[in-house]
Amino acid sequence: MDERKGGTSMIRFLVVCTNGLGTSLMIRLNLQTVLAEIGLPADIEHTDVSSVHLYQPEVIIGDDSVVDSIRGRTEAELISLAHVADRAELKQAILASTSIQHVLK
């Protein structure tokens, strides 16, 4: 993890969808809002599923089918969303994340 001013760790997120356009951008915007609400600085990228190997995120977020398709191909923590537009589901998943819990301690 990168260190930021004030000693707060910055987590690297990668938001993934099939084509890297609409769904991943929507999740990314919701993720920015959620992380601002909990006061967690982060580096957030979004991409298509075939480009995941080009990144080194700590956490990958996507819909259920996309996350299932990359399971076992990355060491990043995976967060799978059943309802990609549901900000409450995203926030709950973020707060339950082991990577996030480690930083918030």
N, C-alpha and C. Protein backbone atom coordinates (compact mmCIF):
# COMPACT_ATOMS: atom_id res chain seq x y z
N MET A 1 0.83 -1.18 0.00
CA MET A 1 0.00 0.00 0.00
C MET A 1 0.87 1.24 0.00
N ASP A 2 0.40 2.25 -0.65
CA ASP A 2 1.11 3.52 -0.69
C ASP A 2 0.77 4.32 0.56
N GLU A 3 1.74 5.05 1.04
CA GLU A 3 1.50 5.91 2.18
C GLU A 3 1.13 7.29 1.69
N ARG A 4 0.15 7.88 2.29
CA ARG A 4 -0.31 9.21 1.96
C ARG A 4 0.01 10.15 3.10
N LYS A 5 -0.08 11.45 2.86
CA LYS A 5 0.12 12.43 3.93
C LYS A 5 -0.73 12.08 5.12
N GLY A 6 -0.18 12.21 6.30
CA GLY A 6 -0.92 11.90 7.51
C GLY A 6 -0.84 10.43 7.87
N GLY A 7 -0.12 9.63 7.10
CA GLY A 7 0.07 8.23 7.43
C GLY A 7 -1.08 7.32 7.06
N THR A 8 -2.08 7.83 6.35
CA THR A 8 -3.21 7.00 5.96
C THR A 8 -2.84 6.19 4.72
N SER A 9 -3.08 4.90 4.77
CA SER A 9 -2.78 4.04 3.63
C SER A 9 -3.79 4.26 2.52
N MET A 10 -3.32 4.25 1.29
CA MET A 10 -4.20 4.39 0.13
C MET A 10 -4.33 3.02 -0.54
N ILE A 11 -5.55 2.54 -0.63
CA ILE A 11 -5.80 1.24 -1.24
C ILE A 11 -6.00 1.41 -2.74
N ARG A 12 -5.46 0.46 -3.50
CA ARG A 12 -5.61 0.47 -4.96
C ARG A 12 -6.80 -0.42 -5.34
N PHE A 13 -7.80 0.20 -5.93
CA PHE A 13 -9.00 -0.50 -6.39
C PHE A 13 -8.99 -0.60 -7.90
N LEU A 14 -9.50 -1.70 -8.41
CA LEU A 14 -9.74 -1.86 -9.83
C LEU A 14 -11.20 -2.28 -10.00
N VAL A 15 -11.96 -1.47 -10.73
CA VAL A 15 -13.36 -1.78 -11.00
C VAL A 15 -13.41 -2.35 -12.42
N VAL A 16 -14.05 -3.51 -12.54
CA VAL A 16 -14.00 -4.27 -13.79
C VAL A 16 -15.41 -4.57 -14.31
N CYS A 17 -15.55 -4.46 -15.63
CA CYS A 17 -16.77 -4.94 -16.29
C CYS A 17 -16.38 -5.56 -17.62
N THR A 18 -17.33 -6.06 -18.34
CA THR A 18 -17.04 -6.78 -19.57
C THR A 18 -16.27 -5.94 -20.58
N ASN A 19 -16.70 -4.70 -20.81
CA ASN A 19 -16.06 -3.85 -21.81
C ASN A 19 -15.27 -2.68 -21.23
N GLY A 20 -15.34 -2.47 -19.93
CA GLY A 20 -14.58 -1.39 -19.30
C GLY A 20 -15.17 -0.01 -19.52
N LEU A 21 -16.45 0.06 -19.84
CA LEU A 21 -17.06 1.36 -20.15
C LEU A 21 -18.15 1.71 -19.15
N GLY A 22 -19.37 1.33 -19.41
CA GLY A 22 -20.52 1.79 -18.62
C GLY A 22 -20.59 1.29 -17.20
N THR A 23 -20.64 -0.02 -17.03
CA THR A 23 -20.84 -0.58 -15.70
C THR A 23 -19.68 -0.26 -14.77
N SER A 24 -18.46 -0.41 -15.25
CA SER A 24 -17.31 -0.13 -14.38
C SER A 24 -17.23 1.35 -14.02
N LEU A 25 -17.61 2.22 -14.93
CA LEU A 25 -17.61 3.65 -14.62
C LEU A 25 -18.66 3.98 -13.57
N MET A 26 -19.85 3.39 -13.69
CA MET A 26 -20.91 3.62 -12.72
C MET A 26 -20.48 3.13 -11.33
N ILE A 27 -19.91 1.93 -11.28
CA ILE A 27 -19.44 1.41 -9.99
C ILE A 27 -18.33 2.30 -9.44
N ARG A 28 -17.44 2.75 -10.31
CA ARG A 28 -16.34 3.62 -9.87
C ARG A 28 -16.88 4.90 -9.24
N LEU A 29 -17.85 5.53 -9.87
CA LEU A 29 -18.43 6.75 -9.31
C LEU A 29 -19.09 6.50 -7.97
N ASN A 30 -19.81 5.38 -7.85
CA ASN A 30 -20.41 5.02 -6.56
C ASN A 30 -19.33 4.71 -5.53
N LEU A 31 -18.26 4.06 -5.95
CA LEU A 31 -17.16 3.74 -5.05
C LEU A 31 -16.51 5.02 -4.52
N GLN A 32 -16.31 6.00 -5.38
CA GLN A 32 -15.74 7.27 -4.95
C GLN A 32 -16.60 7.91 -3.87
N THR A 33 -17.92 7.87 -4.05
CA THR A 33 -18.84 8.43 -3.07
C THR A 33 -18.76 7.67 -1.75
N VAL A 34 -18.79 6.35 -1.81
CA VAL A 34 -18.73 5.52 -0.60
C VAL A 34 -17.42 5.76 0.15
N LEU A 35 -16.31 5.78 -0.56
CA LEU A 35 -15.02 5.97 0.09
C LEU A 35 -14.91 7.36 0.71
N ALA A 36 -15.50 8.36 0.08
CA ALA A 36 -15.52 9.71 0.66
C ALA A 36 -16.35 9.72 1.94
N GLU A 37 -17.46 8.99 1.95
CA GLU A 37 -18.31 8.91 3.14
C GLU A 37 -17.57 8.31 4.33
N ILE A 38 -16.74 7.31 4.07
CA ILE A 38 -16.03 6.67 5.18
C ILE A 38 -14.64 7.26 5.40
N GLY A 39 -14.28 8.23 4.58
CA GLY A 39 -13.01 8.93 4.76
C GLY A 39 -11.78 8.11 4.40
N LEU A 40 -11.90 7.29 3.37
CA LEU A 40 -10.80 6.43 2.98
C LEU A 40 -10.21 6.88 1.65
N PRO A 41 -8.94 7.32 1.64
CA PRO A 41 -8.31 7.69 0.38
C PRO A 41 -8.00 6.44 -0.45
N ALA A 42 -8.14 6.56 -1.76
CA ALA A 42 -7.92 5.40 -2.61
C ALA A 42 -7.50 5.81 -4.01
N ASP A 43 -6.83 4.89 -4.66
CA ASP A 43 -6.49 5.02 -6.08
C ASP A 43 -7.44 4.08 -6.80
N ILE A 44 -8.29 4.62 -7.67
CA ILE A 44 -9.32 3.82 -8.33
C ILE A 44 -9.13 3.88 -9.84
N GLU A 45 -9.06 2.71 -10.45
CA GLU A 45 -9.00 2.57 -11.91
C GLU A 45 -10.20 1.73 -12.33
N HIS A 46 -10.62 1.85 -13.58
CA HIS A 46 -11.63 0.92 -14.11
C HIS A 46 -11.18 0.45 -15.48
N THR A 47 -11.54 -0.81 -15.78
CA THR A 47 -11.08 -1.43 -17.02
C THR A 47 -12.00 -2.56 -17.43
N ASP A 48 -11.68 -3.15 -18.57
CA ASP A 48 -12.42 -4.32 -19.04
C ASP A 48 -11.80 -5.59 -18.46
N VAL A 49 -12.55 -6.65 -18.46
CA VAL A 49 -12.13 -7.90 -17.82
C VAL A 49 -10.87 -8.49 -18.45
N SER A 50 -10.66 -8.28 -19.74
CA SER A 50 -9.48 -8.87 -20.38
C SER A 50 -8.19 -8.13 -20.04
N SER A 51 -8.29 -6.95 -19.42
CA SER A 51 -7.10 -6.16 -19.08
C SER A 51 -6.72 -6.22 -17.60
N VAL A 52 -7.40 -7.03 -16.83
CA VAL A 52 -7.13 -7.11 -15.39
C VAL A 52 -5.67 -7.40 -15.10
N HIS A 53 -5.05 -8.25 -15.90
CA HIS A 53 -3.66 -8.65 -15.67
C HIS A 53 -2.67 -7.50 -15.80
N LEU A 54 -3.08 -6.37 -16.36
CA LEU A 54 -2.20 -5.22 -16.54
C LEU A 54 -2.09 -4.36 -15.28
N TYR A 55 -2.91 -4.63 -14.30
CA TYR A 55 -2.98 -3.83 -13.07
C TYR A 55 -2.54 -4.66 -11.87
N GLN A 56 -2.19 -3.96 -10.79
CA GLN A 56 -1.82 -4.62 -9.55
C GLN A 56 -2.64 -4.04 -8.40
N PRO A 57 -3.95 -4.23 -8.43
CA PRO A 57 -4.79 -3.68 -7.38
C PRO A 57 -4.77 -4.55 -6.13
N GLU A 58 -5.20 -3.96 -5.04
CA GLU A 58 -5.40 -4.74 -3.83
C GLU A 58 -6.82 -5.30 -3.78
N VAL A 59 -7.75 -4.57 -4.40
CA VAL A 59 -9.16 -4.97 -4.40
C VAL A 59 -9.71 -4.80 -5.82
N ILE A 60 -10.42 -5.83 -6.28
CA ILE A 60 -11.11 -5.78 -7.57
C ILE A 60 -12.61 -5.87 -7.30
N ILE A 61 -13.37 -4.98 -7.94
CA ILE A 61 -14.82 -4.94 -7.76
C ILE A 61 -15.49 -5.08 -9.12
N GLY A 62 -16.55 -5.88 -9.16
CA GLY A 62 -17.32 -6.03 -10.39
C GLY A 62 -18.61 -6.78 -10.12
N ASP A 63 -19.41 -6.98 -11.17
CA ASP A 63 -20.63 -7.75 -10.98
C ASP A 63 -20.28 -9.23 -10.80
N ASP A 64 -21.25 -9.98 -10.33
CA ASP A 64 -21.02 -11.39 -10.00
C ASP A 64 -20.36 -12.17 -11.13
N SER A 65 -20.87 -12.04 -12.35
CA SER A 65 -20.34 -12.86 -13.45
C SER A 65 -18.92 -12.47 -13.83
N VAL A 66 -18.61 -11.19 -13.81
CA VAL A 66 -17.26 -10.74 -14.14
C VAL A 66 -16.26 -11.19 -13.07
N VAL A 67 -16.62 -11.02 -11.82
CA VAL A 67 -15.73 -11.44 -10.73
C VAL A 67 -15.52 -12.95 -10.77
N ASP A 68 -16.59 -13.71 -11.03
CA ASP A 68 -16.44 -15.17 -11.15
C ASP A 68 -15.47 -15.54 -12.27
N SER A 69 -15.46 -14.77 -13.35
CA SER A 69 -14.59 -15.09 -14.49
C SER A 69 -13.11 -14.84 -14.21
N ILE A 70 -12.78 -14.03 -13.21
CA ILE A 70 -11.37 -13.78 -12.89
C ILE A 70 -10.92 -14.45 -11.61
N ARG A 71 -11.84 -15.10 -10.92
CA ARG A 71 -11.49 -15.80 -9.67
C ARG A 71 -10.38 -16.81 -9.96
N GLY A 72 -9.33 -16.79 -9.13
CA GLY A 72 -8.21 -17.70 -9.30
C GLY A 72 -7.12 -17.17 -10.22
N ARG A 73 -7.37 -16.03 -10.87
CA ARG A 73 -6.38 -15.45 -11.79
C ARG A 73 -5.71 -14.21 -11.22
N THR A 74 -6.00 -13.89 -9.96
CA THR A 74 -5.44 -12.70 -9.33
C THR A 74 -5.27 -12.94 -7.84
N GLU A 75 -4.34 -12.22 -7.25
CA GLU A 75 -4.15 -12.30 -5.80
C GLU A 75 -4.94 -11.21 -5.08
N ALA A 76 -5.56 -10.32 -5.82
CA ALA A 76 -6.33 -9.23 -5.22
C ALA A 76 -7.57 -9.78 -4.53
N GLU A 77 -8.02 -9.05 -3.51
CA GLU A 77 -9.29 -9.38 -2.88
C GLU A 77 -10.39 -9.07 -3.89
N LEU A 78 -11.37 -9.96 -4.01
CA LEU A 78 -12.46 -9.78 -4.97
C LEU A 78 -13.74 -9.39 -4.25
N ILE A 79 -14.40 -8.37 -4.75
CA ILE A 79 -15.71 -7.96 -4.24
C ILE A 79 -16.70 -8.09 -5.38
N SER A 80 -17.67 -8.96 -5.17
CA SER A 80 -18.67 -9.29 -6.19
C SER A 80 -19.99 -8.61 -5.84
N LEU A 81 -20.59 -7.93 -6.80
CA LEU A 81 -21.84 -7.22 -6.57
C LEU A 81 -22.98 -7.87 -7.35
N ALA A 82 -24.08 -8.14 -6.66
CA ALA A 82 -25.26 -8.68 -7.32
C ALA A 82 -26.04 -7.58 -8.02
N HIS A 83 -26.02 -6.38 -7.45
CA HIS A 83 -26.76 -5.24 -7.99
C HIS A 83 -25.79 -4.07 -8.13
N VAL A 84 -25.25 -3.88 -9.32
CA VAL A 84 -24.15 -2.93 -9.52
C VAL A 84 -24.54 -1.47 -9.27
N ALA A 85 -25.82 -1.13 -9.34
CA ALA A 85 -26.24 0.25 -9.11
C ALA A 85 -26.61 0.52 -7.66
N ASP A 86 -26.56 -0.49 -6.82
CA ASP A 86 -26.97 -0.37 -5.42
C ASP A 86 -25.80 0.11 -4.56
N ARG A 87 -25.79 1.40 -4.26
CA ARG A 87 -24.69 1.98 -3.48
C ARG A 87 -24.64 1.40 -2.07
N ALA A 88 -25.80 1.07 -1.49
CA ALA A 88 -25.82 0.48 -0.14
C ALA A 88 -25.14 -0.89 -0.15
N GLU A 89 -25.37 -1.70 -1.18
CA GLU A 89 -24.71 -3.00 -1.29
C GLU A 89 -23.20 -2.81 -1.42
N LEU A 90 -22.79 -1.84 -2.22
CA LEU A 90 -21.37 -1.56 -2.40
C LEU A 90 -20.74 -1.13 -1.08
N LYS A 91 -21.40 -0.24 -0.36
CA LYS A 91 -20.85 0.23 0.92
C LYS A 91 -20.72 -0.91 1.91
N GLN A 92 -21.73 -1.75 1.99
CA GLN A 92 -21.69 -2.91 2.88
C GLN A 92 -20.53 -3.83 2.51
N ALA A 93 -20.33 -4.07 1.22
CA ALA A 93 -19.24 -4.93 0.77
C ALA A 93 -17.88 -4.31 1.07
N ILE A 94 -17.77 -3.00 0.90
CA ILE A 94 -16.51 -2.30 1.20
C ILE A 94 -16.19 -2.41 2.69
N LEU A 95 -17.17 -2.15 3.53
CA LEU A 95 -16.94 -2.20 4.98
C LEU A 95 -16.63 -3.61 5.47
N ALA A 96 -17.10 -4.63 4.75
CA ALA A 96 -16.81 -6.02 5.11
C ALA A 96 -15.48 -6.51 4.56
N SER A 97 -14.88 -5.75 3.67
CA SER A 97 -13.63 -6.14 3.01
C SER A 97 -12.49 -6.24 4.01
N THR A 98 -11.73 -7.31 3.94
CA THR A 98 -10.58 -7.46 4.84
C THR A 98 -9.51 -6.41 4.56
N SER A 99 -9.34 -6.02 3.32
CA SER A 99 -8.37 -4.97 2.98
C SER A 99 -8.76 -3.64 3.60
N ILE A 100 -10.03 -3.33 3.59
CA ILE A 100 -10.52 -2.07 4.16
C ILE A 100 -10.47 -2.12 5.68
N GLN A 101 -10.89 -3.22 6.26
CA GLN A 101 -10.86 -3.34 7.72
C GLN A 101 -9.45 -3.16 8.26
N HIS A 102 -8.47 -3.67 7.53
CA HIS A 102 -7.07 -3.53 7.94
C HIS A 102 -6.66 -2.06 8.00
N VAL A 103 -7.10 -1.28 7.03
CA VAL A 103 -6.74 0.14 6.96
C VAL A 103 -7.51 0.97 7.99
N LEU A 104 -8.76 0.63 8.23
CA LEU A 104 -9.60 1.42 9.13
C LEU A 104 -9.27 1.20 10.61
N LYS A 105 -8.50 0.18 10.93
CA LYS A 105 -8.15 -0.10 12.34
C LYS A 105 -7.30 0.99 12.92
